[in-house]
Protein backbone atom coordinates (compact mmCIF):
# COMPACT_ATOMS: atom_id res chain seq x y z
CA UNK A 1 63.21 88.87 124.63
CA UNK A 2 63.38 85.89 122.34
CA UNK A 3 66.58 84.03 121.45
CA UNK A 4 66.89 82.53 117.97
CA UNK A 5 69.75 81.05 115.96
CA UNK A 6 70.24 83.00 112.72
CA UNK A 7 72.03 81.49 109.73
CA UNK A 8 73.50 83.67 107.00
CA UNK A 9 74.25 82.74 103.39
CA UNK A 10 76.06 84.37 100.47
CA UNK A 11 76.34 88.18 100.69
CA UNK A 12 74.64 88.26 104.11
CA UNK A 13 77.30 85.92 105.51
CA UNK A 14 80.01 88.12 104.01
CA UNK A 15 78.52 91.28 105.56
CA UNK A 16 77.92 89.68 108.97
CA UNK A 17 81.35 88.05 109.03
CA UNK A 18 79.85 84.87 110.51
CA UNK A 19 77.81 81.93 109.23
CA UNK A 20 75.52 81.87 112.24
CA UNK A 21 74.85 83.69 115.48
CA UNK A 22 72.58 83.45 118.46
CA UNK A 23 70.42 86.58 118.59
CA UNK A 24 68.32 87.98 121.43
CA UNK A 25 65.61 90.27 120.19
CA UNK A 26 62.37 91.87 121.22
CA UNK A 27 61.24 92.05 117.58
CA UNK A 28 57.52 91.45 117.11
CA UNK A 29 57.97 89.78 113.72
CA UNK A 30 60.63 88.42 111.39
CA UNK A 31 60.69 91.65 109.38
CA UNK A 32 61.63 93.64 112.49
CA UNK A 33 64.25 91.03 113.41
CA UNK A 34 65.80 91.34 109.96
CA UNK A 35 65.83 95.15 110.20
CA UNK A 36 67.67 94.94 113.55
CA UNK A 37 70.27 92.69 111.96
CA UNK A 38 70.42 94.80 108.82
CA UNK A 39 71.34 97.86 110.86
CA UNK A 40 73.87 95.91 112.94
CA UNK A 41 75.66 94.27 110.00
CA UNK A 42 75.03 96.75 107.19
CA UNK A 43 73.12 94.37 104.90
CA UNK A 44 72.49 95.88 101.48
CA UNK A 45 69.15 94.17 100.83
CA UNK A 46 65.84 95.21 102.29
CA UNK A 47 63.41 92.46 103.31
CA UNK A 48 61.41 92.69 100.08
CA UNK A 49 64.39 91.21 98.21
CA UNK A 50 64.78 88.21 100.56
CA UNK A 51 62.98 85.06 101.59
CA UNK A 52 62.84 83.94 105.21
CA UNK A 53 62.65 80.43 106.61
CA UNK A 54 62.12 79.17 110.15
CA UNK A 55 63.13 75.67 111.19
CA UNK A 56 63.49 74.58 107.58
CA UNK A 57 60.17 75.91 106.26
CA UNK A 58 59.51 79.14 104.41
CA UNK A 59 57.83 81.67 106.69
CA UNK A 60 55.99 84.98 106.40
CA UNK A 61 57.71 88.20 107.36
CA UNK A 62 54.77 88.89 109.69
CA UNK A 63 55.40 85.68 111.71
CA UNK A 64 56.73 86.20 115.23
CA UNK A 65 60.17 84.81 116.07
CA UNK A 66 59.86 81.68 118.24
CA UNK A 67 62.38 81.04 121.01
CA UNK A 68 64.93 78.41 120.05
CA UNK A 69 64.08 78.50 116.35
CA UNK A 70 66.57 78.56 113.51
CA UNK A 71 65.94 81.55 111.23
CA UNK A 72 67.47 81.80 107.77
CA UNK A 73 67.40 84.94 105.64
CA UNK A 74 67.86 83.93 102.00
CA UNK A 75 69.28 86.58 99.67
CA UNK A 76 68.85 86.56 95.90
CA UNK A 77 71.52 84.53 94.17
CA UNK A 78 72.99 85.00 90.76
CA UNK A 79 73.76 82.10 88.51
CA UNK A 80 76.19 81.88 85.73
């Protein structure tokens, strides 16, 4: 199991009900981690609609979560 800090923004924050949470996961990659969280919180977006960043840098969905890292899932935003 790997523990990461996950930050949520915009609609993901609204669905999760929190801005951040510490998550323990056995996910092999960031895509699997997101799917775990999507099921838990009922996120509307699938991973293809999001960007992911780890420790402040954009990452690939195929990257493995690293213990102690900060993971951010970035939903599409609408401007006005």
